[in-house]
């Protein structure tokens, strides 16, 4: 008998794989969690084994209405159709941000051929963070709190995008994100808590973008995103997707999850635009959402994010 016939050896191999591996039973309870899954999500084995991926929402797809492992998630589809399923999606990191991943779910059968669960593998997809890495060699190019591009670096990226639009007509758009009530949050919970929340929001924004896009901290409570090659309906689709992800971005502080509502404004670059005119339109859009939040009628609705 080969040593590899030992089930414990096979389980060890499964657990030490560098990609994330999650094995679930028919009730979607997690029965195996690899080293790669720990690395990608921050959740250790003892924290997730025996738990349901439905209630924990550790793994979810990048599809509207599928953020919390419903009937259309890769695991459910693999078990329902008895076929492998490929998807893109996000995992919710223990720190509070979202990590973009490529997902493959495969049904698992017993010796009688009945489906008893599924295996889901996931590895990190390229994001804006990977694409910008080579740009951050200059002093002052990174924001010290969040690790994303600084205000100065984003100004340079914006000027370059406008020059590219003028010379070869490559469209782009900008999106502004404002954390509402950051000053009050900092006064209530302290500087460290505020910095942690800013860092989580920055990681989520990075993970939600393509490697050709740029994200940076624009001011104390604002982030700026440059979406290269984006316009029209695509802009609204990207904005809505990021909005959903930001709604799940939070930190754990003194035993409770803490977050802030995020207002979103945007503008598509036009011929003849300057940095000032483009950002002015984006901030007009942003301020309209922000002002609506301050009205009593707005406070009775969803306060997780704006559009």
C-alpha atoms as a PDB file:
ATOM      1  CA  UNK A   1       0.000   0.000   0.000  1.00  0.00           C
ATOM      2  CA  UNK A   2       1.380   3.371  -1.016  1.00  0.00           C
ATOM      3  CA  UNK A   3       1.764   6.058   1.609  1.00  0.00           C
ATOM      4  CA  UNK A   4      -0.361   8.271  -0.639  1.00  0.00           C
ATOM      5  CA  UNK A   5      -3.336   5.945  -0.126  1.00  0.00           C
ATOM      6  CA  UNK A   6      -3.516   7.192   3.464  1.00  0.00           C
ATOM      7  CA  UNK A   7      -6.488   9.633   3.698  1.00  0.00           C
ATOM      8  CA  UNK A   8      -4.548  11.806   6.148  1.00  0.00           C
ATOM      9  CA  UNK A   9      -1.730  12.249   3.622  1.00  0.00           C
ATOM     10  CA  UNK A  10      -4.240  13.268   0.969  1.00  0.00           C
ATOM     11  CA  UNK A  11      -5.847  15.720   3.397  1.00  0.00           C
ATOM     12  CA  UNK A  12      -2.460  17.225   4.273  1.00  0.00           C
ATOM     13  CA  UNK A  13      -1.650  17.745   0.595  1.00  0.00           C
ATOM     14  CA  UNK A  14      -5.006  19.434   0.122  1.00  0.00           C
ATOM     15  CA  UNK A  15      -4.469  21.744   3.068  1.00  0.00           C
ATOM     16  CA  UNK A  16      -0.965  22.908   2.111  1.00  0.00           C
ATOM     17  CA  UNK A  17      -1.830  23.930  -1.460  1.00  0.00           C
ATOM     18  CA  UNK A  18      -0.952  27.608  -2.100  1.00  0.00           C
ATOM     19  CA  UNK A  19      -4.328  28.345  -3.696  1.00  0.00           C
ATOM     20  CA  UNK A  20      -7.383  28.682  -1.515  1.00  0.00           C
ATOM     21  CA  UNK A  21      -9.226  25.366  -1.170  1.00  0.00           C
ATOM     22  CA  UNK A  22     -12.563  25.045   0.583  1.00  0.00           C
ATOM     23  CA  UNK A  23     -14.432  21.719   0.846  1.00  0.00           C
ATOM     24  CA  UNK A  24     -18.113  21.866   1.743  1.00  0.00           C
ATOM     25  CA  UNK A  25     -20.721  19.218   2.483  1.00  0.00           C
ATOM     26  CA  UNK A  26     -24.229  19.125   1.012  1.00  0.00           C
ATOM     27  CA  UNK A  27     -25.445  21.647   3.628  1.00  0.00           C
ATOM     28  CA  UNK A  28     -22.600  24.015   2.629  1.00  0.00           C
ATOM     29  CA  UNK A  29     -20.745  23.488   5.901  1.00  0.00           C
ATOM     30  CA  UNK A  30     -16.981  23.922   5.591  1.00  0.00           C
ATOM     31  CA  UNK A  31     -15.152  20.621   6.224  1.00  0.00           C
ATOM     32  CA  UNK A  32     -11.673  21.533   4.908  1.00  0.00           C
ATOM     33  CA  UNK A  33      -9.789  24.839   4.639  1.00  0.00           C
ATOM     34  CA  UNK A  34      -6.330  25.093   3.092  1.00  0.00           C
ATOM     35  CA  UNK A  35      -3.263  27.151   3.972  1.00  0.00           C
ATOM     36  CA  UNK A  36      -3.978  29.188   0.838  1.00  0.00           C
ATOM     37  CA  UNK A  37      -7.509  29.896   2.054  1.00  0.00           C
ATOM     38  CA  UNK A  38      -6.079  31.133   5.358  1.00  0.00           C
ATOM     39  CA  UNK A  39      -3.644  33.401   3.532  1.00  0.00           C
ATOM     40  CA  UNK A  40      -6.227  34.856   1.130  1.00  0.00           C
ATOM     41  CA  UNK A  41      -8.981  35.429   3.694  1.00  0.00           C
ATOM     42  CA  UNK A  42      -7.184  35.878   7.026  1.00  0.00           C
ATOM     43  CA  UNK A  43      -9.558  33.291   8.552  1.00  0.00           C
ATOM     44  CA  UNK A  44      -7.819  30.355  10.262  1.00  0.00           C
ATOM     45  CA  UNK A  45      -9.094  26.772  10.050  1.00  0.00           C
ATOM     46  CA  UNK A  46     -10.450  26.630  13.561  1.00  0.00           C
ATOM     47  CA  UNK A  47     -12.485  29.772  12.859  1.00  0.00           C
ATOM     48  CA  UNK A  48     -14.342  28.363   9.851  1.00  0.00           C
ATOM     49  CA  UNK A  49     -14.452  24.542  10.066  1.00  0.00           C
ATOM     50  CA  UNK A  50     -17.997  23.374  10.713  1.00  0.00           C
ATOM     51  CA  UNK A  51     -19.448  26.780   9.840  1.00  0.00           C
ATOM     52  CA  UNK A  52     -21.825  27.395   6.955  1.00  0.00           C
ATOM     53  CA  UNK A  53     -20.529  29.496   4.072  1.00  0.00           C
ATOM     54  CA  UNK A  54     -24.076  30.847   3.746  1.00  0.00           C
ATOM     55  CA  UNK A  55     -24.197  32.398   7.207  1.00  0.00           C
ATOM     56  CA  UNK A  56     -20.547  33.469   7.256  1.00  0.00           C
ATOM     57  CA  UNK A  57     -20.566  34.789   3.654  1.00  0.00           C
ATOM     58  CA  UNK A  58     -16.818  34.244   3.322  1.00  0.00           C
ATOM     59  CA  UNK A  59     -17.038  33.452  -0.381  1.00  0.00           C
ATOM     60  CA  UNK A  60     -19.254  35.230  -2.858  1.00  0.00           C
ATOM     61  CA  UNK A  61     -19.607  35.906  -6.555  1.00  0.00           C
ATOM     62  CA  UNK A  62     -19.271  39.129  -8.458  1.00  0.00           C
ATOM     63  CA  UNK A  63     -22.913  39.049  -9.516  1.00  0.00           C
ATOM     64  CA  UNK A  64     -25.865  41.208  -8.385  1.00  0.00           C
ATOM     65  CA  UNK A  65     -27.864  39.426  -5.715  1.00  0.00           C
ATOM     66  CA  UNK A  66     -25.190  36.766  -5.257  1.00  0.00           C
ATOM     67  CA  UNK A  67     -23.071  38.353  -2.545  1.00  0.00           C
ATOM     68  CA  UNK A  68     -24.280  35.995   0.179  1.00  0.00           C
ATOM     69  CA  UNK A  69     -24.015  32.566  -1.394  1.00  0.00           C
ATOM     70  CA  UNK A  70     -27.518  32.162  -2.803  1.00  0.00           C
ATOM     71  CA  UNK A  71     -28.742  29.582  -5.309  1.00  0.00           C
ATOM     72  CA  UNK A  72     -26.574  31.065  -8.080  1.00  0.00           C
ATOM     73  CA  UNK A  73     -23.210  30.872  -6.308  1.00  0.00           C
ATOM     74  CA  UNK A  74     -20.555  28.583  -7.891  1.00  0.00           C
ATOM     75  CA  UNK A  75     -20.854  25.975  -5.116  1.00  0.00           C
ATOM     76  CA  UNK A  76     -24.635  25.750  -5.417  1.00  0.00           C
ATOM     77  CA  UNK A  77     -24.482  25.622  -9.214  1.00  0.00           C
ATOM     78  CA  UNK A  78     -21.821  22.912  -9.190  1.00  0.00           C
ATOM     79  CA  UNK A  79     -23.879  20.705  -6.878  1.00  0.00           C
ATOM     80  CA  UNK A  80     -27.114  21.432  -8.758  1.00  0.00           C
ATOM     81  CA  UNK A  81     -25.780  20.852 -12.279  1.00  0.00           C
ATOM     82  CA  UNK A  82     -23.158  18.206 -11.394  1.00  0.00           C
ATOM     83  CA  UNK A  83     -20.704  20.182 -13.543  1.00  0.00           C
ATOM     84  CA  UNK A  84     -17.592  22.264 -12.788  1.00  0.00           C
ATOM     85  CA  UNK A  85     -18.289  26.002 -12.555  1.00  0.00           C
ATOM     86  CA  UNK A  86     -15.886  28.872 -13.221  1.00  0.00           C
ATOM     87  CA  UNK A  87     -16.516  32.391 -11.961  1.00  0.00           C
ATOM     88  CA  UNK A  88     -14.902  35.594 -10.816  1.00  0.00           C
ATOM     89  CA  UNK A  89     -15.744  36.862  -7.390  1.00  0.00           C
ATOM     90  CA  UNK A  90     -14.550  38.150  -4.058  1.00  0.00           C
ATOM     91  CA  UNK A  91     -13.662  36.725  -0.684  1.00  0.00           C
ATOM     92  CA  UNK A  92     -14.350  38.716   2.430  1.00  0.00           C
ATOM     93  CA  UNK A  93     -11.041  39.152   4.270  1.00  0.00           C
ATOM     94  CA  UNK A  94     -11.073  38.962   8.040  1.00  0.00           C
ATOM     95  CA  UNK A  95      -9.614  42.491   8.140  1.00  0.00           C
ATOM     96  CA  UNK A  96     -12.799  43.776   6.518  1.00  0.00           C
ATOM     97  CA  UNK A  97     -11.918  44.356   2.860  1.00  0.00           C
ATOM     98  CA  UNK A  98     -12.774  42.366  -0.277  1.00  0.00           C
ATOM     99  CA  UNK A  99     -10.175  40.351  -2.217  1.00  0.00           C
ATOM    100  CA  UNK A 100     -10.790  39.673  -5.947  1.00  0.00           C
ATOM    101  CA  UNK A 101     -10.447  35.987  -6.838  1.00  0.00           C
ATOM    102  CA  UNK A 102     -10.875  33.520  -9.665  1.00  0.00           C
ATOM    103  CA  UNK A 103     -13.154  30.697  -8.549  1.00  0.00           C
ATOM    104  CA  UNK A 104     -13.647  27.077  -9.655  1.00  0.00           C
ATOM    105  CA  UNK A 105     -16.214  24.837  -7.991  1.00  0.00           C
ATOM    106  CA  UNK A 106     -16.392  21.099  -8.599  1.00  0.00           C
ATOM    107  CA  UNK A 107     -19.048  18.678  -7.254  1.00  0.00           C
ATOM    108  CA  UNK A 108     -17.869  15.828  -4.998  1.00  0.00           C
ATOM    109  CA  UNK A 109     -19.459  12.359  -5.294  1.00  0.00           C
ATOM    110  CA  UNK A 110     -19.424   9.382  -2.947  1.00  0.00           C
ATOM    111  CA  UNK A 111     -18.725   5.796  -3.977  1.00  0.00           C
ATOM    112  CA  UNK A 112     -22.339   5.422  -5.141  1.00  0.00           C
ATOM    113  CA  UNK A 113     -22.124   8.427  -7.440  1.00  0.00           C
ATOM    114  CA  UNK A 114     -24.292  10.699  -5.304  1.00  0.00           C
ATOM    115  CA  UNK A 115     -23.202  14.340  -4.881  1.00  0.00           C
ATOM    116  CA  UNK A 116     -22.272  14.905  -1.249  1.00  0.00           C
ATOM    117  CA  UNK A 117     -20.721  18.361  -1.482  1.00  0.00           C
ATOM    118  CA  UNK A 118     -18.304  20.472  -3.489  1.00  0.00           C
ATOM    119  CA  UNK A 119     -14.720  21.689  -3.618  1.00  0.00           C
ATOM    120  CA  UNK A 120     -14.115  25.359  -4.337  1.00  0.00           C
ATOM    121  CA  UNK A 121     -10.669  26.650  -5.240  1.00  0.00           C
ATOM    122  CA  UNK A 122      -9.847  30.331  -5.459  1.00  0.00           C
ATOM    123  CA  UNK A 123      -6.731  32.356  -6.187  1.00  0.00           C
ATOM    124  CA  UNK A 124      -6.168  36.091  -6.212  1.00  0.00           C
ATOM    125  CA  UNK A 125      -6.976  37.893  -9.439  1.00  0.00           C
ATOM    126  CA  UNK A 126      -4.936  40.815 -10.692  1.00  0.00           C
ATOM    127  CA  UNK A 127      -6.250  44.156  -9.506  1.00  0.00           C
ATOM    128  CA  UNK A 128      -5.337  47.834  -9.545  1.00  0.00           C
ATOM    129  CA  UNK A 129      -2.822  47.176  -6.765  1.00  0.00           C
ATOM    130  CA  UNK A 130      -0.769  44.876  -8.999  1.00  0.00           C
ATOM    131  CA  UNK A 131      -0.936  47.277 -11.929  1.00  0.00           C
ATOM    132  CA  UNK A 132       0.274  50.285  -9.965  1.00  0.00           C
ATOM    133  CA  UNK A 133       3.150  48.628  -8.135  1.00  0.00           C
ATOM    134  CA  UNK A 134       5.773  49.821 -10.607  1.00  0.00           C
ATOM    135  CA  UNK A 135       4.601  53.431 -10.259  1.00  0.00           C
ATOM    136  CA  UNK A 136       5.377  53.692  -6.577  1.00  0.00           C
ATOM    137  CA  UNK A 137       9.121  54.069  -6.548  1.00  0.00           C
ATOM    138  CA  UNK A 138       9.190  57.825  -6.050  1.00  0.00           C
ATOM    139  CA  UNK A 139       9.176  59.541  -2.642  1.00  0.00           C
ATOM    140  CA  UNK A 140       5.717  60.808  -1.765  1.00  0.00           C
ATOM    141  CA  UNK A 141       3.964  58.571  -4.313  1.00  0.00           C
ATOM    142  CA  UNK A 142       2.163  56.554  -1.614  1.00  0.00           C
ATOM    143  CA  UNK A 143      -0.312  57.721   0.986  1.00  0.00           C
ATOM    144  CA  UNK A 144       1.211  56.775   4.348  1.00  0.00           C
ATOM    145  CA  UNK A 145      -2.068  55.745   5.994  1.00  0.00           C
ATOM    146  CA  UNK A 146      -3.679  53.641   3.260  1.00  0.00           C
ATOM    147  CA  UNK A 147      -0.780  52.553   1.039  1.00  0.00           C
ATOM    148  CA  UNK A 148      -2.535  53.631  -2.159  1.00  0.00           C
ATOM    149  CA  UNK A 149      -1.411  56.445  -4.456  1.00  0.00           C
ATOM    150  CA  UNK A 150      -1.004  59.869  -2.894  1.00  0.00           C
ATOM    151  CA  UNK A 151      -2.817  63.040  -3.959  1.00  0.00           C
ATOM    152  CA  UNK A 152       0.252  64.103  -5.958  1.00  0.00           C
ATOM    153  CA  UNK A 153       0.504  60.764  -7.771  1.00  0.00           C
ATOM    154  CA  UNK A 154      -3.207  60.823  -8.640  1.00  0.00           C
ATOM    155  CA  UNK A 155      -2.798  64.328 -10.084  1.00  0.00           C
ATOM    156  CA  UNK A 156      -0.052  62.985 -12.356  1.00  0.00           C
ATOM    157  CA  UNK A 157      -2.190  59.998 -13.419  1.00  0.00           C
ATOM    158  CA  UNK A 158      -5.119  62.322 -14.127  1.00  0.00           C
ATOM    159  CA  UNK A 159      -3.022  64.641 -16.275  1.00  0.00           C
ATOM    160  CA  UNK A 160      -1.647  61.656 -18.191  1.00  0.00           C
ATOM    161  CA  UNK A 161      -5.160  60.289 -18.799  1.00  0.00           C
ATOM    162  CA  UNK A 162      -6.297  63.675 -20.157  1.00  0.00           C
ATOM    163  CA  UNK A 163      -3.291  63.830 -22.480  1.00  0.00           C
ATOM    164  CA  UNK A 164      -4.072  60.323 -23.743  1.00  0.00           C
ATOM    165  CA  UNK A 165      -7.707  61.308 -24.316  1.00  0.00           C
ATOM    166  CA  UNK A 166      -6.625  64.330 -26.340  1.00  0.00           C
ATOM    167  CA  UNK A 167      -3.995  62.525 -28.431  1.00  0.00           C
ATOM    168  CA  UNK A 168      -5.596  59.133 -29.179  1.00  0.00           C
ATOM    169  CA  UNK A 169      -9.163  59.500 -27.807  1.00  0.00           C
ATOM    170  CA  UNK A 170      -8.957  56.820 -25.107  1.00  0.00           C
ATOM    171  CA  UNK A 171     -11.995  57.470 -22.868  1.00  0.00           C
ATOM    172  CA  UNK A 172     -11.867  57.426 -19.088  1.00  0.00           C
ATOM    173  CA  UNK A 173     -13.924  58.401 -16.081  1.00  0.00           C
ATOM    174  CA  UNK A 174     -13.269  59.435 -12.498  1.00  0.00           C
ATOM    175  CA  UNK A 175     -15.178  58.324  -9.414  1.00  0.00           C
ATOM    176  CA  UNK A 176     -14.950  60.052  -6.027  1.00  0.00           C
ATOM    177  CA  UNK A 177     -15.663  58.220  -2.769  1.00  0.00           C
ATOM    178  CA  UNK A 178     -16.299  60.118   0.467  1.00  0.00           C
ATOM    179  CA  UNK A 179     -16.449  58.488   3.912  1.00  0.00           C
ATOM    180  CA  UNK A 180     -19.254  60.369   5.606  1.00  0.00           C
ATOM    181  CA  UNK A 181     -18.645  61.305   9.221  1.00  0.00           C
ATOM    182  CA  UNK A 182     -14.957  60.395   9.359  1.00  0.00           C
ATOM    183  CA  UNK A 183     -14.125  63.232  11.768  1.00  0.00           C
ATOM    184  CA  UNK A 184     -16.824  62.092  14.200  1.00  0.00           C
ATOM    185  CA  UNK A 185     -15.695  58.473  13.810  1.00  0.00           C
ATOM    186  CA  UNK A 186     -12.107  59.467  14.641  1.00  0.00           C
ATOM    187  CA  UNK A 187     -13.226  61.487  17.665  1.00  0.00           C
ATOM    188  CA  UNK A 188     -15.381  58.601  18.924  1.00  0.00           C
ATOM    189  CA  UNK A 189     -13.055  55.643  18.356  1.00  0.00           C
ATOM    190  CA  UNK A 190      -9.602  57.162  17.954  1.00  0.00           C
ATOM    191  CA  UNK A 191      -7.010  57.717  15.248  1.00  0.00           C
ATOM    192  CA  UNK A 192      -6.043  54.043  14.970  1.00  0.00           C
ATOM    193  CA  UNK A 193      -9.633  52.975  14.284  1.00  0.00           C
ATOM    194  CA  UNK A 194     -10.063  55.673  11.632  1.00  0.00           C
ATOM    195  CA  UNK A 195      -6.785  54.695   9.959  1.00  0.00           C
ATOM    196  CA  UNK A 196      -7.800  51.018   9.979  1.00  0.00           C
ATOM    197  CA  UNK A 197     -11.127  51.819   8.327  1.00  0.00           C
ATOM    198  CA  UNK A 198      -9.443  53.968   5.669  1.00  0.00           C
ATOM    199  CA  UNK A 199      -7.021  51.128   4.988  1.00  0.00           C
ATOM    200  CA  UNK A 200      -9.871  48.611   4.592  1.00  0.00           C
ATOM    201  CA  UNK A 201     -11.745  50.883   2.179  1.00  0.00           C
ATOM    202  CA  UNK A 202      -8.539  51.394   0.164  1.00  0.00           C
ATOM    203  CA  UNK A 203      -7.956  47.618  -0.095  1.00  0.00           C
ATOM    204  CA  UNK A 204     -11.540  47.058  -1.233  1.00  0.00           C
ATOM    205  CA  UNK A 205     -11.232  49.745  -3.902  1.00  0.00           C
ATOM    206  CA  UNK A 206      -7.963  48.248  -5.144  1.00  0.00           C
ATOM    207  CA  UNK A 207      -9.470  44.800  -5.339  1.00  0.00           C
ATOM    208  CA  UNK A 208     -12.527  45.998  -7.246  1.00  0.00           C
ATOM    209  CA  UNK A 209     -10.564  47.614 -10.105  1.00  0.00           C
ATOM    210  CA  UNK A 210      -8.692  46.404 -13.157  1.00  0.00           C
ATOM    211  CA  UNK A 211      -4.909  46.648 -13.198  1.00  0.00           C
ATOM    212  CA  UNK A 212      -5.150  49.463 -15.782  1.00  0.00           C
ATOM    213  CA  UNK A 213      -7.145  51.630 -13.347  1.00  0.00           C
ATOM    214  CA  UNK A 214      -5.815  53.832 -10.566  1.00  0.00           C
ATOM    215  CA  UNK A 215      -6.960  54.482  -7.023  1.00  0.00           C
ATOM    216  CA  UNK A 216      -5.565  57.007  -4.568  1.00  0.00           C
ATOM    217  CA  UNK A 217      -6.371  59.019  -1.505  1.00  0.00           C
ATOM    218  CA  UNK A 218      -7.495  62.437  -2.663  1.00  0.00           C
ATOM    219  CA  UNK A 219      -8.176  64.162   0.657  1.00  0.00           C
ATOM    220  CA  UNK A 220      -8.654  63.341   4.328  1.00  0.00           C
ATOM    221  CA  UNK A 221     -11.987  61.592   3.781  1.00  0.00           C
ATOM    222  CA  UNK A 222     -11.995  61.024  -0.002  1.00  0.00           C
ATOM    223  CA  UNK A 223     -10.601  58.523  -2.464  1.00  0.00           C
ATOM    224  CA  UNK A 224     -10.303  59.092  -6.200  1.00  0.00           C
ATOM    225  CA  UNK A 225     -10.484  56.340  -8.822  1.00  0.00           C
ATOM    226  CA  UNK A 226      -9.492  56.712 -12.487  1.00  0.00           C
ATOM    227  CA  UNK A 227     -11.235  54.171 -14.739  1.00  0.00           C
ATOM    228  CA  UNK A 228      -9.297  53.955 -17.995  1.00  0.00           C
ATOM    229  CA  UNK A 229     -11.272  52.998 -21.097  1.00  0.00           C
ATOM    230  CA  UNK A 230     -14.552  53.424 -19.226  1.00  0.00           C
ATOM    231  CA  UNK A 231     -17.610  55.469 -20.192  1.00  0.00           C
ATOM    232  CA  UNK A 232     -21.405  55.440 -20.368  1.00  0.00           C
ATOM    233  CA  UNK A 233     -23.205  52.378 -19.084  1.00  0.00           C
ATOM    234  CA  UNK A 234     -19.937  50.704 -18.091  1.00  0.00           C
ATOM    235  CA  UNK A 235     -19.262  53.510 -15.621  1.00  0.00           C
ATOM    236  CA  UNK A 236     -22.588  52.983 -13.855  1.00  0.00           C
ATOM    237  CA  UNK A 237     -22.031  49.223 -13.765  1.00  0.00           C
ATOM    238  CA  UNK A 238     -18.573  49.598 -12.202  1.00  0.00           C
ATOM    239  CA  UNK A 239     -19.818  52.188  -9.725  1.00  0.00           C
ATOM    240  CA  UNK A 240     -22.702  49.964  -8.617  1.00  0.00           C
ATOM    241  CA  UNK A 241     -20.410  46.964  -8.205  1.00  0.00           C
ATOM    242  CA  UNK A 242     -17.957  48.929  -6.058  1.00  0.00           C
ATOM    243  CA  UNK A 243     -20.852  50.340  -4.062  1.00  0.00           C
ATOM    244  CA  UNK A 244     -21.993  46.817  -3.150  1.00  0.00           C
ATOM    245  CA  UNK A 245     -18.493  45.843  -2.085  1.00  0.00           C
ATOM    246  CA  UNK A 246     -17.971  48.964   0.024  1.00  0.00           C
ATOM    247  CA  UNK A 247     -21.218  48.225   1.841  1.00  0.00           C
ATOM    248  CA  UNK A 248     -19.485  45.125   3.274  1.00  0.00           C
ATOM    249  CA  UNK A 249     -16.236  46.906   4.195  1.00  0.00           C
ATOM    250  CA  UNK A 250     -15.846  47.345   7.938  1.00  0.00           C
ATOM    251  CA  UNK A 251     -13.436  46.840  10.819  1.00  0.00           C
ATOM    252  CA  UNK A 252     -13.832  45.008  14.088  1.00  0.00           C
ATOM    253  CA  UNK A 253     -13.284  47.430  16.957  1.00  0.00           C
ATOM    254  CA  UNK A 254     -13.809  46.546  20.607  1.00  0.00           C
ATOM    255  CA  UNK A 255     -15.850  43.499  19.670  1.00  0.00           C
ATOM    256  CA  UNK A 256     -18.176  45.227  17.187  1.00  0.00           C
ATOM    257  CA  UNK A 257     -18.126  45.789  13.436  1.00  0.00           C
ATOM    258  CA  UNK A 258     -17.647  49.477  12.615  1.00  0.00           C
ATOM    259  CA  UNK A 259     -18.148  51.171   9.262  1.00  0.00           C
ATOM    260  CA  UNK A 260     -19.148  54.446   7.676  1.00  0.00           C
ATOM    261  CA  UNK A 261     -21.529  55.263   4.823  1.00  0.00           C
ATOM    262  CA  UNK A 262     -19.764  56.090   1.562  1.00  0.00           C
ATOM    263  CA  UNK A 263     -21.091  58.653  -0.901  1.00  0.00           C
ATOM    264  CA  UNK A 264     -20.099  58.277  -4.547  1.00  0.00           C
ATOM    265  CA  UNK A 265     -19.795  60.877  -7.308  1.00  0.00           C
ATOM    266  CA  UNK A 266     -18.509  60.446 -10.851  1.00  0.00           C
ATOM    267  CA  UNK A 267     -17.843  62.135 -14.178  1.00  0.00           C
ATOM    268  CA  UNK A 268     -16.795  61.015 -17.657  1.00  0.00           C
ATOM    269  CA  UNK A 269     -13.917  62.907 -19.262  1.00  0.00           C
ATOM    270  CA  UNK A 270     -14.822  65.084 -22.237  1.00  0.00           C
ATOM    271  CA  UNK A 271     -12.784  66.717 -24.997  1.00  0.00           C
ATOM    272  CA  UNK A 272     -11.273  69.961 -23.738  1.00  0.00           C
ATOM    273  CA  UNK A 273     -11.505  68.958 -20.081  1.00  0.00           C
ATOM    274  CA  UNK A 274      -8.913  70.093 -17.565  1.00  0.00           C
ATOM    275  CA  UNK A 275      -8.275  68.342 -14.263  1.00  0.00           C
ATOM    276  CA  UNK A 276     -10.243  71.074 -12.554  1.00  0.00           C
ATOM    277  CA  UNK A 277     -13.322  70.899 -14.807  1.00  0.00           C
ATOM    278  CA  UNK A 278     -13.479  67.094 -14.680  1.00  0.00           C
ATOM    279  CA  UNK A 279     -13.128  66.964 -10.904  1.00  0.00           C
ATOM    280  CA  UNK A 280     -15.607  69.817 -10.481  1.00  0.00           C
ATOM    281  CA  UNK A 281     -18.331  67.764 -12.207  1.00  0.00           C
ATOM    282  CA  UNK A 282     -17.445  64.692 -10.147  1.00  0.00           C
ATOM    283  CA  UNK A 283     -17.649  66.682  -6.920  1.00  0.00           C
ATOM    284  CA  UNK A 284     -20.960  68.270  -7.900  1.00  0.00           C
ATOM    285  CA  UNK A 285     -22.291  64.728  -8.274  1.00  0.00           C
ATOM    286  CA  UNK A 286     -20.663  63.680  -5.000  1.00  0.00           C
ATOM    287  CA  UNK A 287     -21.948  66.681  -3.042  1.00  0.00           C
ATOM    288  CA  UNK A 288     -25.496  66.057  -4.248  1.00  0.00           C
ATOM    289  CA  UNK A 289     -25.381  62.549  -2.747  1.00  0.00           C
ATOM    290  CA  UNK A 290     -23.646  63.798   0.397  1.00  0.00           C
ATOM    291  CA  UNK A 291     -26.198  66.591   0.902  1.00  0.00           C
ATOM    292  CA  UNK A 292     -29.057  64.143   0.436  1.00  0.00           C
ATOM    293  CA  UNK A 293     -27.636  62.043   3.278  1.00  0.00           C
ATOM    294  CA  UNK A 294     -27.726  64.990   5.645  1.00  0.00           C
ATOM    295  CA  UNK A 295     -31.470  65.436   5.185  1.00  0.00           C
ATOM    296  CA  UNK A 296     -33.655  63.560   7.695  1.00  0.00           C
ATOM    297  CA  UNK A 297     -35.518  61.706   4.935  1.00  0.00           C
ATOM    298  CA  UNK A 298     -32.253  60.227   3.662  1.00  0.00           C
ATOM    299  CA  UNK A 299     -31.306  58.908   7.100  1.00  0.00           C
ATOM    300  CA  UNK A 300     -34.312  56.613   7.246  1.00  0.00           C
ATOM    301  CA  UNK A 301     -33.083  54.614   4.226  1.00  0.00           C
ATOM    302  CA  UNK A 302     -29.999  52.551   3.498  1.00  0.00           C
ATOM    303  CA  UNK A 303     -26.925  54.292   4.962  1.00  0.00           C
ATOM    304  CA  UNK A 304     -24.261  51.869   3.767  1.00  0.00           C
ATOM    305  CA  UNK A 305     -23.289  53.658   0.546  1.00  0.00           C
ATOM    306  CA  UNK A 306     -24.338  56.197  -2.027  1.00  0.00           C
ATOM    307  CA  UNK A 307     -24.580  56.226  -5.774  1.00  0.00           C
END
